[in-house]
């Protein structure tokens, strides 16, 4: 007797599990790459790789638009970014798993370009906090753009957990790239706007 074919619900569950694993691996790989880079930088290059950060309005600083999110001043700096990056990344995947890479890329790009154009002269900007603020901006804005119960509820939860970090977009603290935070946040809001429109079209 031939076994019964898998039900549609069973196939959908397997596909969901596969996508969760894939996107979870992507998030883990992002953070893992940051730790691997920092280990190499500290023990092999003795911090010299940080020169590949964003140097505002300098041609050599353009490469930093791509590399800066993976560079950190030290392990404490990296650890401080890793936890919110993982937590907020999981929140991003809770809505739709495949959004993670898009939000990461757009947040990093907008933050990098904005910092290169508007950052203070003679400074170097680096760190994954730009993407952390991108995830934060995405999650806070999604409820505004989609206006569904679950996205609004998610935005409220994220605000209570990380809303205090929004002070980081204001200037005043030496050594903190408020420009990167501000433009990362804006990049996340832009990602929420684009993805919300796509969701409406699919509906």
N, C-alpha and C. Protein backbone atom coordinates (compact mmCIF):
# COMPACT_ATOMS: atom_id res chain seq x y z
N UNK A 1 0.86 -1.19 0.00
CA UNK A 1 0.00 0.00 0.00
C UNK A 1 0.89 1.24 0.00
N UNK A 2 0.67 2.14 -0.94
CA UNK A 2 1.50 3.33 -1.07
C UNK A 2 1.20 4.31 0.06
N UNK A 3 2.24 4.97 0.61
CA UNK A 3 2.00 5.95 1.68
C UNK A 3 1.22 7.13 1.16
N UNK A 4 0.41 7.72 2.04
CA UNK A 4 -0.39 8.88 1.65
C UNK A 4 0.52 10.07 1.38
N UNK A 5 0.20 10.85 0.35
CA UNK A 5 1.02 12.05 0.06
C UNK A 5 0.91 13.05 1.19
N UNK A 6 1.96 13.81 1.43
CA UNK A 6 1.91 14.81 2.51
C UNK A 6 0.83 15.84 2.26
N UNK A 7 0.15 16.24 3.32
CA UNK A 7 -0.92 17.23 3.20
C UNK A 7 -0.35 18.60 2.89
N UNK A 8 -1.22 19.50 2.42
CA UNK A 8 -0.79 20.86 2.10
C UNK A 8 -0.29 21.57 3.35
N UNK A 9 -0.96 21.32 4.49
CA UNK A 9 -0.55 21.93 5.74
C UNK A 9 0.82 21.47 6.18
N UNK A 10 1.08 20.16 5.98
CA UNK A 10 2.39 19.62 6.35
C UNK A 10 3.49 20.21 5.49
N UNK A 11 3.22 20.36 4.18
CA UNK A 11 4.21 20.96 3.29
C UNK A 11 4.49 22.41 3.66
N UNK A 12 3.43 23.15 4.02
CA UNK A 12 3.59 24.56 4.40
C UNK A 12 4.41 24.68 5.68
N UNK A 13 4.18 23.76 6.61
CA UNK A 13 4.94 23.77 7.87
C UNK A 13 6.41 23.50 7.62
N UNK A 14 6.70 22.52 6.75
CA UNK A 14 8.09 22.21 6.42
C UNK A 14 8.77 23.38 5.73
N UNK A 15 8.04 24.06 4.85
CA UNK A 15 8.60 25.22 4.16
C UNK A 15 8.89 26.34 5.13
N UNK A 16 7.99 26.54 6.11
CA UNK A 16 8.20 27.58 7.12
C UNK A 16 9.43 27.27 7.96
N UNK A 17 9.57 26.02 8.38
CA UNK A 17 10.72 25.61 9.18
C UNK A 17 12.01 25.82 8.39
N UNK A 18 11.98 25.45 7.11
CA UNK A 18 13.16 25.61 6.27
C UNK A 18 13.55 27.08 6.13
N UNK A 19 12.53 27.95 5.95
CA UNK A 19 12.82 29.37 5.78
C UNK A 19 13.33 29.99 7.08
N UNK A 20 12.75 29.57 8.21
CA UNK A 20 13.22 30.07 9.51
C UNK A 20 14.68 29.69 9.73
N UNK A 21 15.03 28.46 9.41
CA UNK A 21 16.41 28.02 9.56
C UNK A 21 17.34 28.80 8.64
N UNK A 22 16.90 29.03 7.41
CA UNK A 22 17.73 29.75 6.45
C UNK A 22 17.98 31.18 6.90
N UNK A 23 16.92 31.88 7.30
CA UNK A 23 17.07 33.27 7.71
C UNK A 23 17.79 33.37 9.05
N UNK A 24 17.54 32.41 9.94
CA UNK A 24 18.27 32.39 11.20
C UNK A 24 19.76 32.20 10.97
N UNK A 25 20.07 31.33 10.00
CA UNK A 25 21.48 31.13 9.65
C UNK A 25 22.08 32.39 9.06
N UNK A 26 21.27 33.12 8.27
CA UNK A 26 21.75 34.38 7.68
C UNK A 26 22.06 35.40 8.77
N UNK A 27 21.16 35.54 9.74
CA UNK A 27 21.39 36.47 10.84
C UNK A 27 22.61 36.06 11.65
N UNK A 28 22.72 34.77 11.93
CA UNK A 28 23.89 34.28 12.67
C UNK A 28 25.18 34.49 11.90
N UNK A 29 25.11 34.31 10.56
CA UNK A 29 26.31 34.51 9.74
C UNK A 29 26.74 35.97 9.74
N UNK A 30 25.76 36.89 9.72
CA UNK A 30 26.08 38.32 9.77
C UNK A 30 26.86 38.66 11.04
N UNK A 31 26.31 38.23 12.17
CA UNK A 31 26.96 38.53 13.45
C UNK A 31 28.27 37.75 13.57
N UNK A 32 28.29 36.51 13.09
CA UNK A 32 29.51 35.72 13.13
C UNK A 32 30.63 36.34 12.31
N UNK A 33 30.26 36.92 11.15
CA UNK A 33 31.27 37.57 10.32
C UNK A 33 31.87 38.78 11.04
N UNK A 34 31.04 39.48 11.81
CA UNK A 34 31.55 40.63 12.57
C UNK A 34 32.54 40.18 13.63
N UNK A 35 32.23 39.09 14.31
CA UNK A 35 33.15 38.58 15.34
C UNK A 35 34.43 38.03 14.73
N UNK A 36 34.30 37.36 13.58
CA UNK A 36 35.49 36.84 12.91
C UNK A 36 36.41 37.97 12.48
N UNK A 37 35.80 39.04 11.93
CA UNK A 37 36.60 40.19 11.50
C UNK A 37 37.30 40.83 12.68
N UNK A 38 36.59 40.96 13.80
CA UNK A 38 37.18 41.62 14.96
C UNK A 38 38.32 40.78 15.55
N UNK A 39 38.17 39.48 15.55
CA UNK A 39 39.25 38.61 16.02
C UNK A 39 40.50 38.77 15.16
N UNK A 40 40.30 38.77 13.85
CA UNK A 40 41.43 38.94 12.94
C UNK A 40 42.04 40.33 13.10
N UNK A 41 41.18 41.34 13.22
CA UNK A 41 41.67 42.71 13.34
C UNK A 41 42.49 42.90 14.62
N UNK A 42 41.99 42.38 15.73
CA UNK A 42 42.66 42.58 17.01
C UNK A 42 43.96 41.79 17.13
N UNK A 43 43.95 40.54 16.68
CA UNK A 43 45.09 39.67 16.93
C UNK A 43 46.08 39.58 15.77
N UNK A 44 45.66 39.97 14.59
CA UNK A 44 46.55 39.92 13.44
C UNK A 44 46.95 41.32 12.99
N UNK A 45 45.97 42.20 12.84
CA UNK A 45 46.24 43.55 12.32
C UNK A 45 46.30 44.62 13.41
N UNK A 46 46.02 44.25 14.67
CA UNK A 46 46.13 45.15 15.81
C UNK A 46 45.32 46.44 15.60
N UNK A 47 44.10 46.26 15.09
CA UNK A 47 43.16 47.38 14.97
C UNK A 47 43.29 48.18 13.69
N UNK A 48 44.22 47.83 12.81
CA UNK A 48 44.44 48.64 11.61
C UNK A 48 43.31 48.54 10.59
N UNK A 49 42.50 47.48 10.66
CA UNK A 49 41.40 47.35 9.70
C UNK A 49 40.33 48.42 9.90
N UNK A 50 40.33 49.05 11.07
CA UNK A 50 39.34 50.10 11.31
C UNK A 50 39.55 51.32 10.42
N UNK A 51 40.70 51.40 9.77
CA UNK A 51 40.92 52.49 8.83
C UNK A 51 40.02 52.37 7.60
N UNK A 52 39.37 51.21 7.43
CA UNK A 52 38.44 51.01 6.32
C UNK A 52 37.02 51.42 6.68
N UNK A 53 36.87 52.18 7.76
CA UNK A 53 35.57 52.74 8.09
C UNK A 53 35.22 53.89 7.16
N UNK A 54 34.14 54.58 7.48
CA UNK A 54 33.68 55.70 6.65
C UNK A 54 34.43 56.97 7.04
N UNK A 55 35.13 57.56 6.08
CA UNK A 55 35.78 58.86 6.25
C UNK A 55 34.94 59.88 5.47
N UNK A 56 34.16 60.69 6.16
CA UNK A 56 33.24 61.59 5.46
C UNK A 56 33.92 62.45 4.39
N UNK A 57 33.33 62.42 3.20
CA UNK A 57 33.71 63.26 2.06
C UNK A 57 35.14 63.00 1.57
N UNK A 58 35.74 61.90 1.97
CA UNK A 58 37.04 61.51 1.44
C UNK A 58 36.85 60.30 0.52
N UNK A 59 37.47 60.30 -0.65
CA UNK A 59 37.29 59.16 -1.57
C UNK A 59 37.59 57.81 -0.93
N UNK A 60 38.61 57.74 -0.08
CA UNK A 60 38.95 56.45 0.55
C UNK A 60 37.84 55.99 1.49
N UNK A 61 37.00 56.92 1.92
CA UNK A 61 35.92 56.57 2.85
C UNK A 61 34.73 55.93 2.19
N UNK A 62 34.67 55.93 0.84
CA UNK A 62 33.53 55.35 0.14
C UNK A 62 33.45 53.84 0.35
N UNK A 63 34.59 53.19 0.43
CA UNK A 63 34.60 51.75 0.69
C UNK A 63 33.94 51.43 2.03
N UNK A 64 34.08 52.35 2.97
CA UNK A 64 33.50 52.14 4.29
C UNK A 64 31.99 52.01 4.29
N UNK A 65 31.33 52.50 3.24
CA UNK A 65 29.87 52.33 3.15
C UNK A 65 29.52 50.85 3.18
N UNK A 66 30.38 50.03 2.59
CA UNK A 66 30.15 48.59 2.57
C UNK A 66 30.75 47.88 3.77
N UNK A 67 31.89 48.35 4.26
CA UNK A 67 32.62 47.61 5.30
C UNK A 67 32.32 48.06 6.72
N UNK A 68 31.88 49.31 6.90
CA UNK A 68 31.75 49.88 8.25
C UNK A 68 30.87 49.06 9.19
N UNK A 69 29.73 48.49 8.75
CA UNK A 69 28.91 47.72 9.70
C UNK A 69 29.61 46.51 10.30
N UNK A 70 30.66 46.04 9.65
CA UNK A 70 31.37 44.85 10.12
C UNK A 70 32.62 45.19 10.93
N UNK A 71 32.93 46.47 11.07
CA UNK A 71 34.12 46.92 11.79
C UNK A 71 33.72 47.49 13.15
N UNK A 72 34.54 47.22 14.17
CA UNK A 72 34.25 47.74 15.51
C UNK A 72 35.55 48.15 16.19
N UNK A 73 35.43 49.10 17.11
CA UNK A 73 36.60 49.64 17.79
C UNK A 73 37.28 48.59 18.67
N UNK A 74 36.46 47.71 19.29
CA UNK A 74 37.00 46.68 20.19
C UNK A 74 35.89 45.66 20.45
N UNK A 75 36.21 44.66 21.25
CA UNK A 75 35.23 43.61 21.52
C UNK A 75 34.04 44.13 22.32
N UNK A 76 34.26 45.09 23.21
CA UNK A 76 33.15 45.65 23.98
C UNK A 76 32.16 46.36 23.05
N UNK A 77 32.69 47.10 22.09
CA UNK A 77 31.85 47.77 21.10
C UNK A 77 31.03 46.75 20.32
N UNK A 78 31.67 45.68 19.89
CA UNK A 78 30.99 44.65 19.13
C UNK A 78 29.93 43.94 19.96
N UNK A 79 30.26 43.60 21.21
CA UNK A 79 29.30 42.92 22.07
C UNK A 79 28.06 43.78 22.32
N UNK A 80 28.28 45.09 22.48
CA UNK A 80 27.16 46.00 22.72
C UNK A 80 26.22 46.07 21.53
N UNK A 81 26.75 45.84 20.32
CA UNK A 81 25.91 45.85 19.12
C UNK A 81 25.30 44.49 18.80
N UNK A 82 25.97 43.42 19.20
CA UNK A 82 25.55 42.08 18.81
C UNK A 82 24.20 41.70 19.41
N UNK A 83 23.99 42.02 20.68
CA UNK A 83 22.74 41.60 21.34
C UNK A 83 21.52 42.27 20.71
N UNK A 84 21.49 43.62 20.60
CA UNK A 84 20.32 44.22 19.95
C UNK A 84 20.18 43.83 18.49
N UNK A 85 21.31 43.57 17.81
CA UNK A 85 21.24 43.15 16.41
C UNK A 85 20.53 41.80 16.30
N UNK A 86 20.84 40.88 17.19
CA UNK A 86 20.19 39.57 17.18
C UNK A 86 18.72 39.67 17.58
N UNK A 87 18.44 40.42 18.64
CA UNK A 87 17.06 40.53 19.14
C UNK A 87 16.17 41.21 18.10
N UNK A 88 16.60 42.37 17.61
CA UNK A 88 15.79 43.10 16.63
C UNK A 88 15.73 42.35 15.30
N UNK A 89 16.80 41.64 14.95
CA UNK A 89 16.78 40.83 13.74
C UNK A 89 15.72 39.74 13.82
N UNK A 90 15.56 39.14 14.98
CA UNK A 90 14.51 38.13 15.16
C UNK A 90 13.13 38.76 15.04
N UNK A 91 12.98 39.98 15.54
CA UNK A 91 11.70 40.69 15.39
C UNK A 91 11.42 40.96 13.91
N UNK A 92 12.45 41.34 13.17
CA UNK A 92 12.27 41.59 11.74
C UNK A 92 11.80 40.31 11.04
N UNK A 93 12.39 39.18 11.40
CA UNK A 93 12.01 37.92 10.77
C UNK A 93 10.63 37.44 11.21
N UNK A 94 10.14 37.92 12.35
CA UNK A 94 8.84 37.49 12.84
C UNK A 94 7.72 37.91 11.88
N UNK A 95 7.92 39.00 11.15
CA UNK A 95 6.90 39.44 10.20
C UNK A 95 6.98 38.63 8.92
N UNK A 96 8.13 38.65 8.30
CA UNK A 96 8.36 37.83 7.11
C UNK A 96 9.84 37.55 7.02
N UNK A 97 10.19 36.30 6.97
CA UNK A 97 11.59 35.88 7.13
C UNK A 97 12.52 36.50 6.11
N UNK A 98 12.06 36.62 4.86
CA UNK A 98 12.96 37.07 3.80
C UNK A 98 13.23 38.58 3.85
N UNK A 99 12.57 39.32 4.74
CA UNK A 99 12.80 40.77 4.83
C UNK A 99 14.14 41.11 5.47
N UNK A 100 14.72 40.17 6.19
CA UNK A 100 15.93 40.46 6.98
C UNK A 100 17.06 41.02 6.13
N UNK A 101 17.42 40.32 5.07
CA UNK A 101 18.53 40.77 4.23
C UNK A 101 18.26 42.12 3.59
N UNK A 102 17.01 42.35 3.17
CA UNK A 102 16.66 43.62 2.52
C UNK A 102 16.80 44.78 3.50
N UNK A 103 16.27 44.61 4.71
CA UNK A 103 16.34 45.69 5.71
C UNK A 103 17.78 45.95 6.11
N UNK A 104 18.56 44.89 6.28
CA UNK A 104 19.98 45.04 6.62
C UNK A 104 20.69 45.85 5.55
N UNK A 105 20.52 45.45 4.28
CA UNK A 105 21.25 46.09 3.19
C UNK A 105 20.83 47.55 3.01
N UNK A 106 19.53 47.82 3.03
CA UNK A 106 19.07 49.19 2.80
C UNK A 106 19.45 50.11 3.96
N UNK A 107 19.36 49.60 5.18
CA UNK A 107 19.76 50.40 6.35
C UNK A 107 21.24 50.74 6.29
N UNK A 108 22.07 49.74 5.99
CA UNK A 108 23.51 49.97 5.91
C UNK A 108 23.87 50.93 4.80
N UNK A 109 23.19 50.81 3.65
CA UNK A 109 23.48 51.68 2.52
C UNK A 109 23.10 53.13 2.81
N UNK A 110 21.88 53.36 3.31
CA UNK A 110 21.44 54.72 3.60
C UNK A 110 22.30 55.33 4.70
N UNK A 111 22.61 54.55 5.73
CA UNK A 111 23.46 55.04 6.82
C UNK A 111 24.85 55.39 6.32
N UNK A 112 25.39 54.52 5.46
CA UNK A 112 26.74 54.76 4.95
C UNK A 112 26.82 56.00 4.08
N UNK A 113 25.90 56.13 3.15
CA UNK A 113 25.91 57.30 2.26
C UNK A 113 25.64 58.58 3.05
N UNK A 114 24.65 58.54 3.95
CA UNK A 114 24.33 59.72 4.74
C UNK A 114 25.49 60.15 5.62
N UNK A 115 26.17 59.19 6.22
CA UNK A 115 27.32 59.51 7.07
C UNK A 115 28.48 60.05 6.25
N UNK A 116 28.70 59.47 5.08
CA UNK A 116 29.80 59.95 4.23
C UNK A 116 29.56 61.39 3.78
N UNK A 117 28.32 61.75 3.54
CA UNK A 117 28.00 63.10 3.07
C UNK A 117 27.97 64.10 4.22
N UNK A 118 27.37 63.72 5.35
CA UNK A 118 27.10 64.68 6.41
C UNK A 118 27.96 64.50 7.66
N UNK A 119 28.77 63.46 7.74
CA UNK A 119 29.59 63.24 8.93
C UNK A 119 30.64 64.32 9.12
N UNK A 120 31.12 64.44 10.34
CA UNK A 120 32.12 65.45 10.65
C UNK A 120 33.45 65.18 9.96
N UNK A 121 34.10 66.22 9.50
CA UNK A 121 35.40 66.09 8.84
C UNK A 121 36.46 65.55 9.78
N UNK A 122 37.35 64.73 9.25
CA UNK A 122 38.44 64.18 10.05
C UNK A 122 38.02 63.09 11.01
N UNK A 123 36.82 62.52 10.82
CA UNK A 123 36.34 61.45 11.70
C UNK A 123 36.27 60.14 10.93
N UNK A 124 36.19 59.04 11.68
CA UNK A 124 36.03 57.71 11.09
C UNK A 124 34.82 57.07 11.78
N UNK A 125 33.90 56.54 10.97
CA UNK A 125 32.66 55.97 11.50
C UNK A 125 32.63 54.48 11.19
N UNK A 126 32.32 53.69 12.21
CA UNK A 126 32.24 52.24 12.02
C UNK A 126 31.34 51.63 13.08
N UNK A 127 30.88 50.42 12.81
CA UNK A 127 30.06 49.70 13.79
C UNK A 127 28.70 49.32 13.24
N UNK A 128 28.16 48.22 13.78
CA UNK A 128 26.87 47.70 13.34
C UNK A 128 25.69 48.44 13.95
N UNK A 129 25.95 49.47 14.76
CA UNK A 129 24.83 50.21 15.35
C UNK A 129 23.98 50.88 14.28
N UNK A 130 24.58 51.17 13.11
CA UNK A 130 23.78 51.74 12.02
C UNK A 130 22.67 50.76 11.61
N UNK A 131 23.01 49.47 11.56
CA UNK A 131 22.01 48.46 11.19
C UNK A 131 21.04 48.23 12.34
N UNK A 132 21.52 48.29 13.58
CA UNK A 132 20.64 48.18 14.74
C UNK A 132 19.56 49.26 14.66
N UNK A 133 19.96 50.49 14.38
CA UNK A 133 18.98 51.57 14.26
C UNK A 133 18.11 51.38 13.02
N UNK A 134 18.67 50.76 11.97
CA UNK A 134 17.86 50.44 10.80
C UNK A 134 16.76 49.44 11.15
N UNK A 135 17.10 48.39 11.86
CA UNK A 135 16.09 47.42 12.31
C UNK A 135 15.05 48.12 13.19
N UNK A 136 15.52 48.99 14.08
CA UNK A 136 14.62 49.70 14.98
C UNK A 136 13.65 50.59 14.19
N UNK A 137 14.18 51.35 13.23
CA UNK A 137 13.33 52.21 12.42
C UNK A 137 12.32 51.41 11.63
N UNK A 138 12.76 50.29 11.07
CA UNK A 138 11.86 49.42 10.31
C UNK A 138 10.71 48.92 11.19
N UNK A 139 11.04 48.41 12.36
CA UNK A 139 10.03 47.82 13.23
C UNK A 139 9.07 48.87 13.79
N UNK A 140 9.57 50.07 14.08
CA UNK A 140 8.70 51.12 14.59
C UNK A 140 7.78 51.67 13.50
N UNK A 141 8.29 51.77 12.26
CA UNK A 141 7.51 52.37 11.18
C UNK A 141 6.54 51.39 10.53
N UNK A 142 6.79 50.10 10.67
CA UNK A 142 5.96 49.12 9.98
C UNK A 142 4.50 49.21 10.42
N UNK A 143 4.27 49.41 11.71
CA UNK A 143 2.90 49.54 12.20
C UNK A 143 2.19 50.75 11.62
N UNK A 144 2.94 51.82 11.37
CA UNK A 144 2.36 53.03 10.79
C UNK A 144 1.96 52.79 9.34
N UNK A 145 2.80 52.10 8.59
CA UNK A 145 2.55 51.91 7.16
C UNK A 145 1.55 50.79 6.86
N UNK A 146 1.60 49.71 7.64
CA UNK A 146 0.70 48.59 7.35
C UNK A 146 -0.62 48.70 8.09
N UNK A 147 -0.62 49.26 9.29
CA UNK A 147 -1.83 49.52 10.07
C UNK A 147 -2.65 48.26 10.33
N UNK A 148 -1.96 47.17 10.55
CA UNK A 148 -2.65 45.95 10.99
C UNK A 148 -2.42 45.78 12.48
N UNK A 149 -3.26 44.99 13.11
CA UNK A 149 -3.16 44.84 14.56
C UNK A 149 -1.80 44.32 14.98
N UNK A 150 -1.31 43.27 14.27
CA UNK A 150 -0.08 42.62 14.70
C UNK A 150 1.15 43.49 14.46
N UNK A 151 1.18 44.24 13.36
CA UNK A 151 2.34 45.10 13.12
C UNK A 151 2.34 46.29 14.09
N UNK A 152 1.16 46.82 14.40
CA UNK A 152 1.09 47.90 15.38
C UNK A 152 1.51 47.39 16.76
N UNK A 153 1.02 46.20 17.13
CA UNK A 153 1.40 45.62 18.42
C UNK A 153 2.90 45.38 18.48
N UNK A 154 3.46 44.89 17.37
CA UNK A 154 4.90 44.69 17.33
C UNK A 154 5.67 45.97 17.48
N UNK A 155 5.21 47.04 16.83
CA UNK A 155 5.88 48.34 16.94
C UNK A 155 5.84 48.85 18.37
N UNK A 156 4.71 48.64 19.05
CA UNK A 156 4.58 49.09 20.44
C UNK A 156 5.56 48.32 21.35
N UNK A 157 5.63 47.01 21.15
CA UNK A 157 6.54 46.19 21.96
C UNK A 157 7.99 46.62 21.75
N UNK A 158 8.37 46.82 20.49
CA UNK A 158 9.74 47.23 20.18
C UNK A 158 10.03 48.60 20.78
N UNK A 159 9.05 49.51 20.75
CA UNK A 159 9.26 50.84 21.32
C UNK A 159 9.53 50.75 22.83
N UNK A 160 8.77 49.90 23.52
CA UNK A 160 8.99 49.77 24.97
C UNK A 160 10.33 49.11 25.28
N UNK A 161 10.79 48.21 24.40
CA UNK A 161 12.06 47.54 24.64
C UNK A 161 13.26 48.41 24.29
N UNK A 162 13.18 49.13 23.16
CA UNK A 162 14.35 49.83 22.64
C UNK A 162 14.09 51.30 22.30
N UNK A 163 12.93 51.83 22.67
CA UNK A 163 12.63 53.22 22.34
C UNK A 163 13.61 54.21 22.93
N UNK A 164 14.18 53.87 24.08
CA UNK A 164 15.15 54.77 24.70
C UNK A 164 16.39 54.97 23.86
N UNK A 165 16.68 54.02 22.97
CA UNK A 165 17.86 54.15 22.11
C UNK A 165 17.72 55.27 21.10
N UNK A 166 16.50 55.77 20.89
CA UNK A 166 16.29 56.83 19.90
C UNK A 166 17.04 58.11 20.24
N UNK A 167 17.41 58.27 21.51
CA UNK A 167 18.23 59.44 21.88
C UNK A 167 19.57 59.40 21.16
N UNK A 168 19.97 58.22 20.69
CA UNK A 168 21.25 58.08 20.01
C UNK A 168 21.33 58.75 18.66
N UNK A 169 20.19 59.23 18.14
CA UNK A 169 20.23 59.93 16.85
C UNK A 169 20.53 61.42 17.03
N UNK A 170 20.68 61.86 18.26
CA UNK A 170 20.94 63.28 18.54
C UNK A 170 22.44 63.49 18.79
N UNK A 171 22.98 64.60 18.33
CA UNK A 171 24.41 64.88 18.56
C UNK A 171 24.67 65.22 20.02
N UNK A 172 25.92 65.10 20.42
CA UNK A 172 26.28 65.55 21.75
C UNK A 172 27.19 64.62 22.52
N UNK A 173 27.20 63.33 22.17
CA UNK A 173 28.05 62.37 22.90
C UNK A 173 29.30 62.12 22.09
N UNK A 174 30.48 62.51 22.59
CA UNK A 174 31.73 62.29 21.84
C UNK A 174 31.97 60.81 21.58
N UNK A 175 32.44 60.51 20.38
CA UNK A 175 32.76 59.14 20.03
C UNK A 175 31.58 58.31 19.55
N UNK A 176 30.38 58.89 19.54
CA UNK A 176 29.18 58.19 19.07
C UNK A 176 28.77 58.76 17.71
N UNK A 177 28.61 57.90 16.73
CA UNK A 177 28.23 58.34 15.39
C UNK A 177 26.73 58.57 15.32
N UNK A 178 26.29 59.73 15.78
CA UNK A 178 24.86 60.01 15.72
C UNK A 178 24.38 60.11 14.27
N UNK A 179 25.29 60.50 13.36
CA UNK A 179 24.91 60.55 11.95
C UNK A 179 24.58 59.15 11.43
N UNK A 180 25.43 58.18 11.79
CA UNK A 180 25.17 56.80 11.39
C UNK A 180 23.87 56.28 11.97
N UNK A 181 23.60 56.62 13.24
CA UNK A 181 22.36 56.19 13.88
C UNK A 181 21.15 56.82 13.19
N UNK A 182 21.23 58.11 12.93
CA UNK A 182 20.11 58.82 12.32
C UNK A 182 19.80 58.27 10.93
N UNK A 183 20.82 58.14 10.09
CA UNK A 183 20.57 57.68 8.72
C UNK A 183 20.26 56.18 8.68
N UNK A 184 20.79 55.42 9.63
CA UNK A 184 20.39 54.02 9.72
C UNK A 184 18.91 53.90 10.05
N UNK A 185 18.44 54.73 11.00
CA UNK A 185 17.03 54.76 11.35
C UNK A 185 16.17 55.12 10.14
N UNK A 186 16.60 56.13 9.39
CA UNK A 186 15.86 56.54 8.19
C UNK A 186 15.86 55.44 7.13
N UNK A 187 16.99 54.73 7.01
CA UNK A 187 17.04 53.61 6.08
C UNK A 187 16.05 52.52 6.46
N UNK A 188 15.90 52.26 7.75
CA UNK A 188 14.93 51.28 8.22
C UNK A 188 13.51 51.71 7.95
N UNK A 189 13.22 53.00 8.15
CA UNK A 189 11.88 53.53 7.85
C UNK A 189 11.59 53.39 6.35
N UNK A 190 12.59 53.71 5.51
CA UNK A 190 12.43 53.56 4.07
C UNK A 190 12.15 52.09 3.70
N UNK A 191 12.88 51.17 4.32
CA UNK A 191 12.65 49.75 4.07
C UNK A 191 11.22 49.34 4.44
N UNK A 192 10.73 49.86 5.58
CA UNK A 192 9.36 49.55 6.00
C UNK A 192 8.35 50.07 4.98
N UNK A 193 8.60 51.27 4.46
CA UNK A 193 7.71 51.85 3.46
C UNK A 193 7.67 51.01 2.19
N UNK A 194 8.82 50.62 1.71
CA UNK A 194 8.91 49.84 0.47
C UNK A 194 8.27 48.47 0.65
N UNK A 195 8.60 47.78 1.74
CA UNK A 195 8.09 46.44 1.95
C UNK A 195 6.60 46.44 2.27
N UNK A 196 6.10 47.48 2.93
CA UNK A 196 4.66 47.58 3.19
C UNK A 196 3.90 47.73 1.89
N UNK A 197 4.43 48.52 0.95
CA UNK A 197 3.79 48.66 -0.36
C UNK A 197 3.76 47.35 -1.11
N UNK A 198 4.87 46.60 -1.04
CA UNK A 198 4.91 45.30 -1.72
C UNK A 198 3.88 44.35 -1.11
N UNK A 199 3.71 44.40 0.20
CA UNK A 199 2.76 43.54 0.88
C UNK A 199 1.34 43.86 0.43
N UNK A 200 1.04 45.16 0.26
CA UNK A 200 -0.29 45.57 -0.20
C UNK A 200 -0.54 45.07 -1.62
N UNK A 201 0.47 45.17 -2.48
CA UNK A 201 0.32 44.70 -3.87
C UNK A 201 0.06 43.21 -3.91
N UNK A 202 0.78 42.44 -3.08
CA UNK A 202 0.57 40.99 -3.06
C UNK A 202 -0.82 40.65 -2.57
N UNK A 203 -1.32 41.44 -1.59
CA UNK A 203 -2.66 41.19 -1.07
C UNK A 203 -3.70 41.42 -2.15
